[in-house]
């Protein structure tokens, strides 16, 4: 009736898998209000990689760090494991430093319409 799919500029829907954890961290690791977003590693190791996604890391009161990774579900590599990529991402020195000494208190995953 409204020709929503055939209209000019209409794109097919894209989906991603979002994986998230909430960590309780020691007071000395907590930096109130810190927001960090990243692209690239570990999903893309070269400019020709055709995997899109990114990560986020937020510090929230009282002493929580919320972190996660979103992976586009149209990746071509059948061996890519989004959960393992998230675990690898947390080993990066820029991320690991925020979580060391902390405890994961919540986790979850969801498919997102992007």
N, C-alpha and C. Protein backbone atom coordinates (compact mmCIF):
# COMPACT_ATOMS: atom_id res chain seq x y z
N UNK A 1 0.80 -1.19 0.00
CA UNK A 1 0.00 0.00 0.00
C UNK A 1 0.86 1.27 0.00
N UNK A 2 1.91 1.30 0.84
CA UNK A 2 2.75 2.49 0.92
C UNK A 2 4.07 2.35 0.16
N UNK A 3 4.30 1.19 -0.45
CA UNK A 3 5.51 0.94 -1.24
C UNK A 3 6.79 1.25 -0.46
N UNK A 4 6.85 0.77 0.79
CA UNK A 4 8.00 1.07 1.64
C UNK A 4 9.28 0.40 1.17
N UNK A 5 9.18 -0.79 0.59
CA UNK A 5 10.38 -1.50 0.12
C UNK A 5 10.83 -1.02 -1.25
N UNK A 6 9.92 -0.57 -2.07
CA UNK A 6 10.27 -0.17 -3.43
C UNK A 6 10.60 1.29 -3.57
N UNK A 7 10.46 2.04 -2.51
CA UNK A 7 10.70 3.48 -2.58
C UNK A 7 12.17 3.83 -2.77
N UNK A 8 12.40 5.03 -3.21
CA UNK A 8 13.77 5.50 -3.43
C UNK A 8 14.52 5.55 -2.10
N UNK A 9 15.71 4.97 -2.09
CA UNK A 9 16.55 5.00 -0.90
C UNK A 9 16.24 3.93 0.12
N UNK A 10 15.34 3.01 -0.20
CA UNK A 10 15.02 1.95 0.76
C UNK A 10 16.13 0.91 0.77
N UNK A 11 16.60 0.57 1.96
CA UNK A 11 17.65 -0.43 2.12
C UNK A 11 17.10 -1.64 2.85
N UNK A 12 17.70 -2.78 2.59
CA UNK A 12 17.36 -3.98 3.35
C UNK A 12 17.78 -3.79 4.81
N UNK A 13 17.10 -4.46 5.70
CA UNK A 13 17.47 -4.35 7.11
C UNK A 13 18.79 -5.05 7.37
N UNK A 14 19.55 -4.53 8.33
CA UNK A 14 20.81 -5.11 8.76
C UNK A 14 20.68 -5.45 10.23
N UNK A 15 21.31 -6.56 10.62
CA UNK A 15 21.23 -7.00 12.00
C UNK A 15 22.62 -7.16 12.57
N UNK A 16 22.72 -6.98 13.87
CA UNK A 16 23.97 -7.18 14.57
C UNK A 16 23.71 -7.92 15.87
N UNK A 17 24.74 -8.54 16.40
CA UNK A 17 24.66 -9.20 17.69
C UNK A 17 25.41 -8.35 18.70
N UNK A 18 24.72 -7.92 19.74
CA UNK A 18 25.33 -7.15 20.81
C UNK A 18 25.55 -8.01 22.03
N UNK A 19 26.77 -8.02 22.54
CA UNK A 19 27.13 -8.77 23.74
C UNK A 19 27.57 -7.75 24.79
N UNK A 20 27.05 -7.87 26.00
CA UNK A 20 27.30 -6.85 27.03
C UNK A 20 27.59 -7.50 28.37
N UNK A 21 28.48 -6.89 29.13
CA UNK A 21 28.76 -7.31 30.50
C UNK A 21 28.78 -6.08 31.40
N UNK A 22 28.40 -6.29 32.64
CA UNK A 22 28.48 -5.25 33.67
C UNK A 22 29.45 -5.75 34.73
N UNK A 23 30.47 -4.96 35.00
CA UNK A 23 31.51 -5.32 35.96
C UNK A 23 31.46 -4.38 37.16
N UNK A 24 31.64 -4.95 38.33
CA UNK A 24 31.86 -4.15 39.53
C UNK A 24 33.37 -4.09 39.73
N UNK A 25 33.91 -2.88 39.79
CA UNK A 25 35.36 -2.71 39.83
C UNK A 25 35.78 -2.00 41.11
N UNK A 26 37.06 -2.16 41.50
CA UNK A 26 37.56 -1.45 42.68
C UNK A 26 37.49 0.06 42.48
N UNK A 27 37.33 0.78 43.56
CA UNK A 27 37.20 2.25 43.50
C UNK A 27 38.37 2.90 42.76
N UNK A 28 39.57 2.38 42.92
CA UNK A 28 40.73 3.01 42.28
C UNK A 28 40.73 2.84 40.76
N UNK A 29 39.97 1.89 40.23
CA UNK A 29 39.84 1.70 38.78
C UNK A 29 38.69 2.51 38.19
N UNK A 30 37.78 2.97 39.04
CA UNK A 30 36.57 3.63 38.56
C UNK A 30 36.86 5.09 38.17
N UNK A 31 36.36 5.49 36.98
CA UNK A 31 36.51 6.88 36.49
C UNK A 31 35.12 7.36 36.07
N UNK A 32 34.46 8.03 36.97
CA UNK A 32 33.07 8.44 36.79
C UNK A 32 32.85 9.16 35.46
N UNK A 33 31.85 8.69 34.70
CA UNK A 33 31.46 9.34 33.46
C UNK A 33 32.29 8.99 32.24
N UNK A 34 33.31 8.15 32.37
CA UNK A 34 34.14 7.80 31.22
C UNK A 34 33.31 7.08 30.16
N UNK A 35 33.44 7.48 28.91
CA UNK A 35 32.78 6.84 27.78
C UNK A 35 33.84 6.56 26.73
N UNK A 36 33.87 5.32 26.24
CA UNK A 36 34.86 4.94 25.23
C UNK A 36 34.16 4.09 24.17
N UNK A 37 34.30 4.48 22.91
CA UNK A 37 33.78 3.70 21.78
C UNK A 37 34.96 3.36 20.87
N UNK A 38 34.93 2.16 20.29
CA UNK A 38 36.02 1.76 19.40
C UNK A 38 35.46 1.10 18.14
N UNK A 39 36.27 1.10 17.12
CA UNK A 39 36.01 0.39 15.86
C UNK A 39 37.27 -0.37 15.50
N UNK A 40 37.14 -1.38 14.67
CA UNK A 40 38.32 -2.09 14.18
C UNK A 40 38.60 -3.35 14.98
N UNK A 41 39.75 -3.40 15.61
CA UNK A 41 40.21 -4.59 16.32
C UNK A 41 39.22 -4.98 17.40
N UNK A 42 38.90 -6.23 17.58
CA UNK A 42 39.46 -7.43 16.97
C UNK A 42 38.73 -7.86 15.70
N UNK A 43 37.68 -7.17 15.31
CA UNK A 43 36.89 -7.60 14.15
C UNK A 43 37.60 -7.36 12.83
N UNK A 44 38.36 -6.29 12.75
CA UNK A 44 39.03 -5.94 11.50
C UNK A 44 40.52 -5.82 11.77
N UNK A 45 41.28 -6.65 11.07
CA UNK A 45 42.74 -6.59 11.23
C UNK A 45 43.40 -6.00 9.99
N UNK A 46 42.61 -5.77 8.93
CA UNK A 46 43.13 -5.10 7.73
C UNK A 46 42.00 -4.32 7.09
N UNK A 47 42.35 -3.44 6.17
CA UNK A 47 41.33 -2.61 5.52
C UNK A 47 40.43 -3.41 4.59
N UNK A 48 40.84 -4.64 4.27
CA UNK A 48 40.01 -5.46 3.38
C UNK A 48 39.03 -6.36 4.13
N UNK A 49 39.12 -6.41 5.46
CA UNK A 49 38.18 -7.22 6.23
C UNK A 49 36.78 -6.66 6.06
N UNK A 50 35.82 -7.55 5.85
CA UNK A 50 34.45 -7.13 5.59
C UNK A 50 33.53 -7.44 6.76
N UNK A 51 34.03 -7.19 7.97
CA UNK A 51 33.23 -7.38 9.18
C UNK A 51 33.04 -6.00 9.79
N UNK A 52 31.81 -5.64 10.08
CA UNK A 52 31.62 -4.35 10.73
C UNK A 52 31.14 -4.56 12.15
N UNK A 53 31.42 -3.59 12.97
CA UNK A 53 31.03 -3.65 14.37
C UNK A 53 31.87 -2.69 15.17
N UNK A 54 31.67 -2.72 16.45
CA UNK A 54 32.41 -1.85 17.33
C UNK A 54 32.13 -2.19 18.78
N UNK A 55 32.76 -1.43 19.66
CA UNK A 55 32.63 -1.73 21.08
C UNK A 55 32.30 -0.46 21.86
N UNK A 56 31.90 -0.68 23.10
CA UNK A 56 31.63 0.42 24.00
C UNK A 56 32.09 0.06 25.40
N UNK A 57 32.43 1.08 26.17
CA UNK A 57 32.83 0.91 27.56
C UNK A 57 32.40 2.17 28.30
N UNK A 58 31.57 2.01 29.32
CA UNK A 58 31.05 3.13 30.10
C UNK A 58 31.31 2.90 31.58
N UNK A 59 31.73 3.93 32.29
CA UNK A 59 31.83 3.87 33.75
C UNK A 59 30.59 4.53 34.32
N UNK A 60 29.89 3.80 35.19
CA UNK A 60 28.65 4.31 35.79
C UNK A 60 28.72 4.17 37.30
N UNK A 61 28.14 5.15 37.99
CA UNK A 61 28.09 5.11 39.45
C UNK A 61 27.32 3.89 39.92
N UNK A 62 27.65 3.29 41.04
CA UNK A 62 28.68 3.73 41.98
C UNK A 62 30.09 3.30 41.56
N UNK A 63 30.29 2.07 41.11
CA UNK A 63 31.62 1.64 40.65
C UNK A 63 31.46 0.52 39.61
N UNK A 64 30.64 0.80 38.60
CA UNK A 64 30.35 -0.19 37.57
C UNK A 64 30.99 0.19 36.24
N UNK A 65 31.43 -0.82 35.51
CA UNK A 65 31.89 -0.64 34.14
C UNK A 65 30.99 -1.51 33.25
N UNK A 66 30.35 -0.87 32.28
CA UNK A 66 29.49 -1.56 31.32
C UNK A 66 30.26 -1.63 30.02
N UNK A 67 30.45 -2.84 29.50
CA UNK A 67 31.24 -2.98 28.28
C UNK A 67 30.57 -3.96 27.34
N UNK A 68 30.80 -3.77 26.04
CA UNK A 68 30.19 -4.67 25.08
C UNK A 68 30.76 -4.53 23.70
N UNK A 69 30.37 -5.49 22.86
CA UNK A 69 30.81 -5.55 21.47
C UNK A 69 29.59 -5.83 20.60
N UNK A 70 29.48 -5.12 19.48
CA UNK A 70 28.42 -5.36 18.51
C UNK A 70 29.07 -5.83 17.22
N UNK A 71 28.57 -6.94 16.67
CA UNK A 71 29.11 -7.53 15.44
C UNK A 71 27.98 -7.61 14.42
N UNK A 72 28.19 -7.04 13.24
CA UNK A 72 27.22 -7.17 12.16
C UNK A 72 27.07 -8.62 11.76
N UNK A 73 25.83 -9.08 11.59
CA UNK A 73 25.59 -10.49 11.33
C UNK A 73 25.72 -10.89 9.86
N UNK A 74 26.26 -10.01 9.04
CA UNK A 74 26.47 -10.37 7.64
C UNK A 74 27.94 -10.72 7.36
N UNK A 75 28.67 -11.11 8.39
CA UNK A 75 30.08 -11.46 8.18
C UNK A 75 30.20 -12.71 7.34
N UNK A 76 31.29 -12.79 6.56
CA UNK A 76 31.48 -13.87 5.61
C UNK A 76 32.25 -15.05 6.17
N UNK A 77 33.04 -14.84 7.20
CA UNK A 77 33.88 -15.89 7.78
C UNK A 77 33.02 -16.82 8.64
N UNK A 78 32.84 -18.08 8.22
CA UNK A 78 31.99 -18.99 8.99
C UNK A 78 32.59 -19.38 10.33
N UNK A 79 33.87 -19.08 10.54
CA UNK A 79 34.53 -19.44 11.79
C UNK A 79 34.55 -18.28 12.79
N UNK A 80 34.06 -17.13 12.41
CA UNK A 80 34.02 -15.99 13.32
C UNK A 80 33.04 -16.29 14.45
N UNK A 81 33.49 -16.13 15.67
CA UNK A 81 32.67 -16.37 16.85
C UNK A 81 32.57 -15.06 17.64
N UNK A 82 31.42 -14.36 17.57
CA UNK A 82 31.31 -13.07 18.24
C UNK A 82 31.65 -13.12 19.73
N UNK A 83 31.25 -14.20 20.42
CA UNK A 83 31.56 -14.31 21.85
C UNK A 83 33.07 -14.37 22.07
N UNK A 84 33.77 -15.16 21.27
CA UNK A 84 35.23 -15.26 21.42
C UNK A 84 35.91 -13.94 21.06
N UNK A 85 35.36 -13.22 20.09
CA UNK A 85 35.93 -11.91 19.74
C UNK A 85 35.75 -10.92 20.89
N UNK A 86 34.62 -11.00 21.58
CA UNK A 86 34.38 -10.15 22.75
C UNK A 86 35.39 -10.48 23.85
N UNK A 87 35.63 -11.77 24.09
CA UNK A 87 36.60 -12.17 25.10
C UNK A 87 38.00 -11.68 24.72
N UNK A 88 38.33 -11.76 23.44
CA UNK A 88 39.64 -11.28 22.97
C UNK A 88 39.75 -9.77 23.13
N UNK A 89 38.67 -9.04 22.82
CA UNK A 89 38.66 -7.58 22.95
C UNK A 89 38.99 -7.16 24.39
N UNK A 90 38.48 -7.91 25.36
CA UNK A 90 38.71 -7.57 26.77
C UNK A 90 40.17 -7.77 27.18
N UNK A 91 40.99 -8.45 26.37
CA UNK A 91 42.40 -8.63 26.69
C UNK A 91 43.27 -7.47 26.21
N UNK A 92 42.70 -6.57 25.41
CA UNK A 92 43.48 -5.42 24.93
C UNK A 92 43.89 -4.57 26.13
N UNK A 93 45.13 -4.09 26.18
CA UNK A 93 45.58 -3.32 27.34
C UNK A 93 44.69 -2.12 27.68
N UNK A 94 44.12 -1.46 26.67
CA UNK A 94 43.26 -0.31 26.93
C UNK A 94 41.94 -0.69 27.58
N UNK A 95 41.53 -1.93 27.41
CA UNK A 95 40.28 -2.42 28.00
C UNK A 95 40.56 -3.17 29.29
N UNK A 96 41.54 -4.04 29.25
CA UNK A 96 41.88 -4.87 30.41
C UNK A 96 42.10 -4.04 31.66
N UNK A 97 42.74 -2.89 31.51
CA UNK A 97 43.05 -2.03 32.65
C UNK A 97 41.77 -1.60 33.40
N UNK A 98 40.67 -1.44 32.69
CA UNK A 98 39.42 -1.02 33.32
C UNK A 98 38.78 -2.14 34.13
N UNK A 99 39.07 -3.39 33.77
CA UNK A 99 38.37 -4.53 34.36
C UNK A 99 39.18 -5.29 35.40
N UNK A 100 40.50 -5.11 35.41
CA UNK A 100 41.36 -5.86 36.33
C UNK A 100 40.95 -5.63 37.78
N UNK A 101 40.84 -6.74 38.50
CA UNK A 101 40.45 -6.68 39.91
C UNK A 101 38.96 -6.62 40.12
N UNK A 102 38.20 -6.58 39.02
CA UNK A 102 36.75 -6.49 39.11
C UNK A 102 36.08 -7.85 38.97
N UNK A 103 34.77 -7.82 39.08
CA UNK A 103 33.95 -9.03 38.97
C UNK A 103 32.79 -8.76 38.03
N UNK A 104 32.57 -9.68 37.10
CA UNK A 104 31.41 -9.57 36.21
C UNK A 104 30.17 -9.91 37.02
N UNK A 105 29.22 -8.96 37.08
CA UNK A 105 28.01 -9.16 37.88
C UNK A 105 26.76 -9.39 37.02
N UNK A 106 26.81 -9.03 35.75
CA UNK A 106 25.69 -9.27 34.83
C UNK A 106 26.24 -9.42 33.42
N UNK A 107 25.49 -10.15 32.59
CA UNK A 107 25.88 -10.30 31.19
C UNK A 107 24.63 -10.61 30.37
N UNK A 108 24.73 -10.36 29.09
CA UNK A 108 23.60 -10.67 28.21
C UNK A 108 23.98 -10.41 26.76
N UNK A 109 23.05 -10.79 25.88
CA UNK A 109 23.24 -10.59 24.44
C UNK A 109 21.89 -10.37 23.80
N UNK A 110 21.91 -9.69 22.66
CA UNK A 110 20.65 -9.39 21.96
C UNK A 110 20.96 -9.12 20.50
N UNK A 111 20.04 -9.52 19.65
CA UNK A 111 20.15 -9.18 18.23
C UNK A 111 19.54 -7.80 18.04
N UNK A 112 20.26 -6.95 17.31
CA UNK A 112 19.86 -5.57 17.11
C UNK A 112 19.51 -5.32 15.65
N UNK A 113 18.51 -4.51 15.40
CA UNK A 113 18.18 -4.05 14.07
C UNK A 113 18.98 -2.76 13.87
N UNK A 114 19.90 -2.77 12.90
CA UNK A 114 20.78 -1.61 12.73
C UNK A 114 20.36 -0.76 11.56
